Amino acid sequence: MTPPAQGVRPAPVRLPAPLSYGQLSVWRDIEGLPEERRHEANTWARWQVPGDTGVPEVRRALRALGARHPSLHTVYDLTDPDAPRQSVRPDLVGDTETTASEAGPGEVDEVLAGLLARPFNLTGEPGWRAHLVTTGTGTGPVREVLLVKHHMTADGWCDRVLREDFLALLAGDRAEPPAVGPAELAEWQLAPGRERSRAAAVAHWQDVIASGSSGFPGTDPSGRPVLQATVRSHRALRGAQALAERSGTGLSAVVLGAYTLAVARAAGEDAPVVQMMSANRFHPRWRDVVTSMNQWTAARHPVVDDLDEHMRRTHRMSMSAYRHGMVDVDRIARMRALSPGHEPTCAFNFLRLDHPCGPGDADGALVWEEPFSTIGHGCYLRAADEAGVSLALRLRTKGIPRDLAARIVTDVHGLLASAQQ
């Protein structure tokens, strides 16, 4: 089971509490969504269940998991738009939905899609649900757990934490004390002693906003549909690994570097401003807290001719930006309002997955997909290292012509795949 966060657990915070920076960031992204799009803030995970484990045993482990992590029984008071609040509700631990049904391998995706398409009521129910896929009717055995959660409840980093805790609880390990939660994180972030860190993050954003970037040039969000193009490739992953070793950087920096080059060519800019997703899991005390800590940071990435030097510079610029990713988004919004028209050129997120998410023959072909979510920037690349097997490059665009979107993602693939040679 995941060990408790380091340090002595503080006294309980006064509830209802303010939102943490990560919770607030998610809420500001989704608060204006119409009812038919509220499900777009849902994320998912799939857990294999070992042995011939029955439905009752899995449900008991899930209930214990919900009791351990405060975020899994937190609800929100959103009546004051300027000051949303959160409350931990232990009485809701048993209210988490855990349905079960028999489903063949070809039917699981359909079941998961149905779970994802249902929004959560953030003010009155736990922000997660589970479905147990059985190989027989009635009590099991359970083959896998489909977990759906609202992004305010848990970000992608938490998937490992939740899975490890679930498996430990399923094995009958002694239950650990309740973990720290987002209300305690919010108290720490807002503490008077952290003003210096908050000021540094604000100063970073002041520099970014002063860059004058006004988004991807020539886009027309009202006149063109949302597009999603994906390239999955063994060769791109091997090339990215070779380029990372050669330049002395990391895999995510290399993929980001290739993306900035492709965007610079497509946008006709020599220094695109990239909005980057930061996990904000640098502090040991909060590394494994179950909540959403994802927030956008940003940096200008000047293009240089030498490829290895471009990757090294990308690494330095991105690491500096990630250090300032934990910030009050309302404060940044007020700053941006003083510079109308400011918008990063593009957006980027890098993920590490524990399994491939597509067909095994990842050969670099471009596939057009139906986007599940349209939240966020109009030129957004989500790249994923799929268990060291392939690199998935998923570009979601709004208002960019189809041929230009295809050119961006295929250019990223081409730059990385050619580096293997």
Protein backbone atom coordinates (compact mmCIF):
# COMPACT_ATOMS: atom_id res chain seq x y z
CA MET A 1 0.00 0.00 0.00
CA THR A 2 1.20 3.50 -0.73
CA PRO A 3 2.86 4.91 2.41
CA PRO A 4 1.25 7.91 4.08
CA ALA A 5 2.52 11.34 3.06
CA GLN A 6 5.72 12.27 4.83
CA GLY A 7 5.68 14.19 8.08
CA VAL A 8 3.24 14.33 10.94
CA ARG A 9 -0.35 14.52 9.82
CA PRO A 10 -1.60 18.03 10.66
CA ALA A 11 -4.73 18.77 12.63
CA PRO A 12 -7.91 18.62 10.50
CA VAL A 13 -8.55 21.78 8.57
CA ARG A 14 -11.66 23.83 9.11
CA LEU A 15 -14.41 22.82 6.68
CA PRO A 16 -15.71 23.87 4.28
CA ALA A 17 -12.24 24.77 3.00
CA PRO A 18 -11.06 26.71 -0.06
CA LEU A 19 -10.18 24.71 -3.16
CA SER A 20 -6.55 23.81 -3.72
CA TYR A 21 -4.86 25.41 -6.71
CA GLY A 22 -5.27 22.22 -8.74
CA GLN A 23 -8.96 21.84 -7.93
CA LEU A 24 -9.58 25.49 -8.73
CA SER A 25 -7.71 25.17 -12.02
CA VAL A 26 -9.95 22.29 -13.11
CA TRP A 27 -13.07 24.08 -11.98
CA ARG A 28 -12.25 27.26 -13.91
CA ASP A 29 -11.76 25.14 -17.04
CA ILE A 30 -15.16 23.46 -16.75
CA GLU A 31 -17.51 25.76 -14.82
CA GLY A 32 -19.03 27.21 -17.98
CA LEU A 33 -19.63 23.89 -19.75
CA PRO A 34 -23.21 23.25 -20.87
CA GLU A 35 -24.92 20.22 -19.39
CA GLU A 36 -24.30 18.08 -22.49
CA ARG A 37 -20.52 18.51 -22.10
CA ARG A 38 -20.05 18.08 -18.36
CA HIS A 39 -18.85 14.49 -18.78
CA GLU A 40 -15.75 15.76 -20.62
CA ALA A 41 -14.03 16.31 -17.25
CA ASN A 42 -14.14 12.55 -16.53
CA THR A 43 -11.04 10.36 -16.69
CA TRP A 44 -10.66 6.59 -16.43
CA ALA A 45 -8.43 3.68 -15.46
CA ARG A 46 -8.62 -0.10 -15.89
CA TRP A 47 -7.29 -2.46 -13.22
CA GLN A 48 -6.75 -6.17 -13.66
CA VAL A 49 -7.98 -8.19 -10.67
CA PRO A 50 -5.78 -11.14 -9.63
CA GLY A 51 -7.03 -14.65 -8.99
CA ASP A 52 -10.63 -15.79 -8.65
CA THR A 53 -11.77 -12.79 -6.63
CA GLY A 54 -15.50 -12.41 -6.11
CA VAL A 55 -17.64 -9.29 -6.36
CA PRO A 56 -18.13 -8.90 -2.57
CA GLU A 57 -14.36 -8.89 -1.93
CA VAL A 58 -13.73 -6.30 -4.64
CA ARG A 59 -16.53 -4.09 -3.36
CA ARG A 60 -15.11 -4.22 0.18
CA ALA A 61 -11.68 -3.19 -1.11
CA LEU A 62 -13.19 -0.31 -3.09
CA ARG A 63 -15.14 0.88 -0.06
CA ALA A 64 -11.95 0.84 2.02
CA LEU A 65 -10.18 2.75 -0.76
CA GLY A 66 -12.92 5.38 -0.70
CA ALA A 67 -12.58 5.70 3.07
CA ARG A 68 -8.79 6.08 2.94
CA HIS A 69 -8.59 9.02 0.51
CA PRO A 70 -10.55 12.19 1.45
CA SER A 71 -10.86 13.30 -2.16
CA LEU A 72 -12.99 10.22 -2.84
CA HIS A 73 -15.65 11.47 -0.43
CA THR A 74 -15.37 15.24 -0.97
CA VAL A 75 -18.19 17.42 -2.29
CA TYR A 76 -18.17 21.05 -3.36
CA ASP A 77 -20.14 24.20 -2.57
CA LEU A 78 -20.12 26.16 -5.84
CA THR A 79 -22.76 28.75 -4.99
CA ASP A 80 -20.24 31.61 -4.66
CA PRO A 81 -18.51 31.83 -8.06
CA ASP A 82 -15.62 33.80 -6.57
CA ALA A 83 -14.98 31.42 -3.67
CA PRO A 84 -15.89 27.77 -4.33
CA ARG A 85 -15.41 25.53 -1.29
CA GLN A 86 -14.94 21.85 -0.46
CA SER A 87 -16.14 19.61 2.35
CA VAL A 88 -15.05 16.10 3.27
CA ARG A 89 -18.10 13.86 3.79
CA PRO A 90 -17.26 10.52 5.47
CA ASP A 91 -20.97 9.66 5.40
CA LEU A 92 -20.71 9.36 1.58
CA VAL A 93 -18.09 6.59 1.64
CA GLY A 94 -20.69 3.88 1.08
CA ASP A 95 -22.54 5.83 -1.61
CA THR A 96 -19.99 5.20 -4.35
CA GLU A 97 -21.52 3.38 -7.31
CA THR A 98 -20.00 -0.07 -7.92
CA THR A 99 -21.98 -1.91 -10.57
CA ALA A 100 -21.04 -5.30 -12.01
CA SER A 101 -21.78 -7.28 -15.14
CA GLU A 102 -20.41 -9.99 -17.36
CA ALA A 103 -18.69 -8.58 -20.45
CA GLY A 104 -16.53 -10.13 -23.13
CA PRO A 105 -13.27 -8.51 -24.25
CA GLY A 106 -15.01 -6.79 -27.15
CA GLU A 107 -17.72 -5.32 -24.91
CA VAL A 108 -15.57 -3.71 -22.22
CA ASP A 109 -14.83 -0.58 -24.25
CA GLU A 110 -18.56 -0.03 -24.73
CA VAL A 111 -19.21 -0.38 -20.99
CA LEU A 112 -16.40 2.06 -20.20
CA ALA A 113 -17.70 4.57 -22.74
CA GLY A 114 -21.10 4.47 -21.07
CA LEU A 115 -19.57 5.14 -17.65
CA LEU A 116 -17.50 8.02 -19.01
CA ALA A 117 -20.47 9.66 -20.70
CA ARG A 118 -22.29 10.24 -17.40
CA PRO A 119 -21.37 13.46 -15.53
CA PHE A 120 -20.94 13.66 -11.77
CA ASN A 121 -22.98 15.78 -9.39
CA LEU A 122 -20.08 17.52 -7.66
CA THR A 123 -22.26 19.04 -4.95
CA GLY A 124 -23.88 15.86 -3.69
CA GLU A 125 -22.10 12.63 -4.67
CA PRO A 126 -18.59 11.14 -4.62
CA GLY A 127 -16.64 12.04 -7.76
CA TRP A 128 -15.84 8.46 -8.78
CA ARG A 129 -17.60 5.27 -9.79
CA ALA A 130 -16.51 1.72 -10.56
CA HIS A 131 -17.79 -1.14 -12.68
CA LEU A 132 -16.68 -4.71 -12.07
CA VAL A 133 -16.23 -6.80 -15.21
CA THR A 134 -16.94 -10.43 -14.36
CA THR A 135 -16.36 -13.66 -16.23
CA GLY A 136 -19.61 -15.04 -14.88
CA THR A 137 -22.91 -13.78 -13.56
CA GLY A 138 -23.74 -13.03 -9.96
CA THR A 139 -20.74 -12.88 -7.65
CA GLY A 140 -17.87 -13.18 -10.12
CA PRO A 141 -15.06 -13.88 -10.42
CA VAL A 142 -14.06 -10.30 -11.27
CA ARG A 143 -11.71 -9.93 -14.23
CA GLU A 144 -11.07 -6.20 -14.03
CA VAL A 145 -12.28 -2.93 -12.49
CA LEU A 146 -13.26 0.00 -14.69
CA LEU A 147 -12.72 3.18 -12.69
CA VAL A 148 -14.16 6.54 -13.78
CA LYS A 149 -13.41 9.69 -11.82
CA HIS A 150 -13.95 13.41 -12.16
CA HIS A 151 -10.74 15.30 -12.83
CA MET A 152 -11.27 17.39 -9.68
CA THR A 153 -11.30 14.15 -7.68
CA ALA A 154 -8.07 12.69 -9.04
CA ASP A 155 -5.64 13.40 -11.86
CA GLY A 156 -3.72 10.84 -13.91
CA TRP A 157 -0.81 10.72 -11.45
CA CYS A 158 -3.19 9.25 -8.87
CA ASP A 159 -3.99 6.17 -10.95
CA ARG A 160 -0.89 4.36 -9.68
CA VAL A 161 -1.56 5.37 -6.07
CA LEU A 162 -5.17 4.21 -6.21
CA ARG A 163 -4.32 0.95 -7.97
CA GLU A 164 -1.58 0.04 -5.48
CA ASP A 165 -3.82 0.83 -2.51
CA PHE A 166 -6.71 -1.14 -4.03
CA LEU A 167 -4.56 -4.23 -4.61
CA ALA A 168 -3.16 -4.04 -1.09
CA LEU A 169 -6.63 -3.75 0.41
CA LEU A 170 -7.84 -6.60 -1.78
CA ALA A 171 -5.00 -8.77 -0.49
CA GLY A 172 -6.11 -8.09 3.08
CA ASP A 173 -3.18 -5.90 4.12
CA ARG A 174 -3.72 -3.89 7.27
CA ALA A 175 -5.58 -0.70 6.47
CA GLU A 176 -3.42 2.41 6.78
CA PRO A 177 -4.62 5.61 8.51
CA PRO A 178 -6.55 8.00 6.29
CA ALA A 179 -4.32 9.77 3.80
CA VAL A 180 -3.95 13.53 3.62
CA GLY A 181 -6.35 15.19 1.21
CA PRO A 182 -6.89 18.28 -0.91
CA ALA A 183 -8.26 20.44 1.93
CA GLU A 184 -4.95 20.09 3.77
CA LEU A 185 -3.09 20.76 0.53
CA ALA A 186 -5.09 23.97 0.05
CA GLU A 187 -4.26 25.11 3.58
CA TRP A 188 -0.54 24.57 2.91
CA GLN A 189 -0.65 26.35 -0.46
CA LEU A 190 -2.41 29.37 1.03
CA ALA A 191 -0.28 29.58 4.21
CA PRO A 192 1.32 33.00 4.90
CA GLY A 193 4.78 31.42 4.97
CA ARG A 194 4.59 30.48 1.28
CA GLU A 195 4.20 34.00 -0.09
CA ARG A 196 7.69 33.89 -1.61
CA SER A 197 6.86 30.81 -3.70
CA ARG A 198 3.55 32.34 -4.77
CA ALA A 199 5.30 35.55 -5.82
CA ALA A 200 7.85 33.62 -7.88
CA ALA A 201 5.07 31.82 -9.78
CA VAL A 202 3.31 35.12 -10.46
CA ALA A 203 6.56 36.68 -11.69
CA HIS A 204 7.06 33.77 -14.08
CA TRP A 205 3.58 34.29 -15.53
CA GLN A 206 4.19 38.03 -15.84
CA ASP A 207 7.17 37.26 -18.10
CA VAL A 208 5.12 34.81 -20.17
CA ILE A 209 2.23 37.24 -20.61
CA ALA A 210 4.64 40.01 -21.55
CA SER A 211 5.86 37.86 -24.46
CA GLY A 212 2.87 39.06 -26.49
CA SER A 213 1.82 35.65 -27.83
CA SER A 214 -1.72 35.69 -29.21
CA GLY A 215 -2.39 32.02 -29.93
CA PHE A 216 -1.91 29.88 -33.02
CA PRO A 217 -2.11 32.37 -35.91
CA GLY A 218 -4.96 32.28 -38.38
CA THR A 219 -7.21 29.92 -36.42
CA ASP A 220 -10.99 30.21 -36.75
CA PRO A 221 -12.64 28.31 -33.85
CA SER A 222 -16.14 29.27 -34.97
CA GLY A 223 -15.74 28.13 -38.53
CA ARG A 224 -14.11 24.71 -38.29
CA PRO A 225 -14.84 21.55 -36.28
CA VAL A 226 -12.74 20.13 -33.47
CA LEU A 227 -10.29 17.59 -34.90
CA GLN A 228 -8.20 14.86 -33.29
CA ALA A 229 -5.37 13.13 -35.12
CA THR A 230 -3.28 10.36 -33.58
CA VAL A 231 -0.02 8.76 -34.64
CA ARG A 232 1.29 5.76 -32.70
CA SER A 233 4.79 4.57 -33.43
CA HIS A 234 7.51 2.23 -32.20
CA ARG A 235 10.04 4.09 -34.34
CA ALA A 236 9.20 7.48 -32.85
CA LEU A 237 9.69 6.14 -29.32
CA ARG A 238 13.06 4.58 -30.19
CA GLY A 239 14.13 7.77 -31.94
CA ALA A 240 13.06 9.92 -29.00
CA GLN A 241 14.99 7.67 -26.61
CA ALA A 242 18.11 7.93 -28.79
CA LEU A 243 17.77 11.69 -29.06
CA ALA A 244 17.26 12.04 -25.28
CA GLU A 245 20.43 10.03 -24.62
CA ARG A 246 22.41 11.97 -27.20
CA SER A 247 21.33 15.38 -25.93
CA GLY A 248 21.54 14.47 -22.25
CA THR A 249 17.89 15.35 -21.61
CA GLY A 250 14.69 13.39 -20.90
CA LEU A 251 12.08 11.76 -23.09
CA SER A 252 9.38 14.35 -22.39
CA ALA A 253 11.75 17.23 -23.24
CA VAL A 254 12.65 15.61 -26.55
CA VAL A 255 9.02 15.12 -27.55
CA LEU A 256 8.25 18.70 -26.49
CA GLY A 257 11.24 19.91 -28.51
CA ALA A 258 10.01 18.13 -31.63
CA TYR A 259 6.55 19.61 -31.07
CA THR A 260 7.88 23.18 -30.75
CA LEU A 261 9.79 22.74 -34.02
CA ALA A 262 6.69 21.42 -35.80
CA VAL A 263 4.49 24.21 -34.43
CA ALA A 264 7.07 26.86 -35.29
CA ARG A 265 7.07 25.67 -38.90
CA ALA A 266 3.30 25.46 -39.12
CA ALA A 267 2.66 28.79 -37.40
CA GLY A 268 5.50 30.69 -39.01
CA GLU A 269 6.97 31.65 -35.61
CA ASP A 270 10.53 31.38 -34.37
CA ALA A 271 9.70 31.22 -30.64
CA PRO A 272 6.28 29.68 -29.90
CA VAL A 273 4.87 30.00 -26.39
CA VAL A 274 3.89 26.55 -25.15
CA GLN A 275 1.35 25.95 -22.40
CA MET A 276 2.55 22.83 -20.56
CA MET A 277 0.78 20.58 -18.10
CA SER A 278 2.66 20.33 -14.82
CA ALA A 279 1.96 17.45 -12.43
CA ASN A 280 3.21 19.60 -9.49
CA ARG A 281 4.28 16.47 -7.62
CA PHE A 282 7.72 17.77 -6.62
CA HIS A 283 7.15 18.16 -2.87
CA PRO A 284 7.53 14.80 -1.04
CA ARG A 285 4.66 15.56 1.32
CA TRP A 286 2.16 15.96 -1.52
CA ARG A 287 3.62 13.62 -4.14
CA ASP A 288 0.99 10.91 -3.68
CA VAL A 289 -2.01 12.87 -2.42
CA VAL A 290 -5.14 11.80 -4.30
CA THR A 291 -6.62 14.92 -5.87
CA SER A 292 -6.03 16.98 -8.98
CA MET A 293 -2.73 18.86 -8.86
CA ASN A 294 -2.45 19.29 -12.64
CA GLN A 295 -2.03 22.90 -13.69
CA TRP A 296 -0.87 24.71 -16.78
CA THR A 297 2.42 26.53 -16.83
CA ALA A 298 4.00 28.11 -19.91
CA ALA A 299 7.31 29.11 -21.48
CA ARG A 300 8.62 30.63 -24.69
CA HIS A 301 10.69 28.14 -26.69
CA PRO A 302 13.01 29.81 -29.23
CA VAL A 303 13.93 27.49 -32.09
CA VAL A 304 17.65 26.86 -32.71
CA ASP A 305 19.18 25.15 -35.74
CA ASP A 306 21.23 22.51 -33.91
CA LEU A 307 18.79 19.74 -32.95
CA ASP A 308 20.65 18.54 -29.85
CA GLU A 309 21.05 22.09 -28.58
CA HIS A 310 17.35 22.76 -29.23
CA MET A 311 16.45 19.77 -27.07
CA ARG A 312 18.78 20.90 -24.28
CA ARG A 313 17.31 24.40 -24.36
CA THR A 314 13.79 22.99 -24.39
CA HIS A 315 14.65 20.94 -21.32
CA ARG A 316 15.99 23.98 -19.43
CA MET A 317 13.04 26.21 -20.34
CA SER A 318 10.42 23.59 -19.49
CA MET A 319 11.97 22.61 -16.16
CA SER A 320 12.06 26.26 -15.11
CA ALA A 321 8.39 26.62 -16.05
CA TYR A 322 7.35 23.40 -14.27
CA ARG A 323 8.85 24.73 -11.03
CA HIS A 324 6.25 27.52 -11.17
CA GLY A 325 3.27 25.36 -12.09
CA MET A 326 1.53 25.57 -8.71
CA VAL A 327 -0.31 28.90 -8.86
CA ASP A 328 -3.61 30.66 -8.14
CA VAL A 329 -5.27 30.63 -11.56
CA ASP A 330 -7.70 33.39 -10.58
CA ARG A 331 -4.76 35.69 -9.90
CA ILE A 332 -3.23 34.80 -13.27
CA ALA A 333 -6.59 35.40 -14.98
CA ARG A 334 -6.67 38.93 -13.55
CA MET A 335 -3.18 39.53 -14.91
CA ARG A 336 -4.14 38.22 -18.34
CA ALA A 337 -7.17 40.51 -18.38
CA LEU A 338 -4.73 43.43 -18.38
CA SER A 339 -3.15 42.08 -21.59
CA PRO A 340 -6.15 41.34 -23.85
CA GLY A 341 -5.47 38.82 -26.56
CA HIS A 342 -2.68 36.97 -24.81
CA GLU A 343 -2.84 33.24 -25.57
CA PRO A 344 -0.06 30.61 -25.77
CA THR A 345 0.66 29.36 -29.27
CA CYS A 346 -0.03 25.73 -28.36
CA ALA A 347 -0.35 23.31 -25.44
CA PHE A 348 1.48 20.12 -24.45
CA ASN A 349 1.14 17.25 -22.00
CA PHE A 350 3.35 14.17 -21.61
CA LEU A 351 2.09 10.97 -19.96
CA ARG A 352 3.65 7.64 -19.04
CA LEU A 353 1.19 4.76 -19.32
CA ASP A 354 1.59 1.23 -18.00
CA HIS A 355 0.08 -0.36 -21.10
CA PRO A 356 -0.41 0.40 -24.82
CA CYS A 357 -3.76 2.00 -25.64
CA GLY A 358 -4.12 0.95 -29.25
CA PRO A 359 -3.34 -1.83 -31.73
CA GLY A 360 0.00 -3.55 -31.38
CA ASP A 361 1.22 -2.62 -34.86
CA ALA A 362 2.09 1.01 -34.04
CA ASP A 363 3.67 1.93 -37.37
CA GLY A 364 3.29 5.70 -37.66
CA ALA A 365 0.00 5.85 -39.57
CA LEU A 366 -2.18 8.92 -38.94
CA VAL A 367 -5.66 8.09 -37.63
CA TRP A 368 -8.48 10.62 -37.27
CA GLU A 369 -10.52 10.13 -34.10
CA GLU A 370 -13.64 11.54 -32.50
CA PRO A 371 -12.44 13.75 -29.62
CA PHE A 372 -13.87 12.85 -26.22
CA SER A 373 -13.15 16.28 -24.75
CA THR A 374 -12.83 19.73 -26.28
CA ILE A 375 -11.69 21.43 -23.06
CA GLY A 376 -8.53 23.49 -23.37
CA HIS A 377 -6.26 25.00 -25.99
CA GLY A 378 -6.99 24.89 -29.71
CA CYS A 379 -3.67 23.22 -30.57
CA TYR A 380 -3.02 20.61 -27.90
CA LEU A 381 -0.65 17.63 -28.14
CA ARG A 382 -1.01 14.83 -25.60
CA ALA A 383 1.97 12.53 -25.97
CA ALA A 384 2.25 9.22 -24.14
CA ASP A 385 5.02 6.70 -23.62
CA GLU A 386 2.95 3.51 -23.76
CA ALA A 387 4.86 1.20 -21.41
CA GLY A 388 8.05 1.54 -23.42
CA VAL A 389 6.36 -0.11 -26.40
CA SER A 390 5.24 2.84 -28.51
CA LEU A 391 4.86 6.60 -28.48
CA ALA A 392 1.33 7.93 -28.96
CA LEU A 393 1.03 11.45 -30.38
CA ARG A 394 -2.55 12.69 -30.06
CA LEU A 395 -3.16 16.21 -31.42
CA ARG A 396 -6.49 17.92 -30.69
CA THR A 397 -7.17 21.13 -32.61
CA LYS A 398 -9.93 23.73 -32.80
CA GLY A 399 -10.09 26.09 -35.74
CA ILE A 400 -6.99 24.75 -37.51
CA PRO A 401 -7.44 23.39 -41.04
CA ARG A 402 -7.32 19.61 -41.35
CA ASP A 403 -4.23 19.54 -43.57
CA LEU A 404 -2.32 21.80 -41.19
CA ALA A 405 -3.26 19.69 -38.15
CA ALA A 406 -2.09 16.57 -39.98
CA ARG A 407 1.15 18.28 -40.90
CA ILE A 408 1.93 19.21 -37.29
CA VAL A 409 1.52 15.72 -35.85
CA THR A 410 3.26 13.98 -38.75
CA ASP A 411 6.16 16.44 -38.48
CA VAL A 412 6.58 15.58 -34.79
CA HIS A 413 6.58 11.90 -35.68
CA GLY A 414 9.02 12.40 -38.54
CA LEU A 415 11.51 14.39 -36.45
CA LEU A 416 11.55 11.73 -33.74
CA ALA A 417 11.49 8.64 -35.95
CA SER A 418 14.40 9.96 -38.06
CA ALA A 419 16.54 10.46 -34.94
CA GLN A 420 16.79 6.69 -34.54
CA GLN A 421 18.97 6.47 -37.64
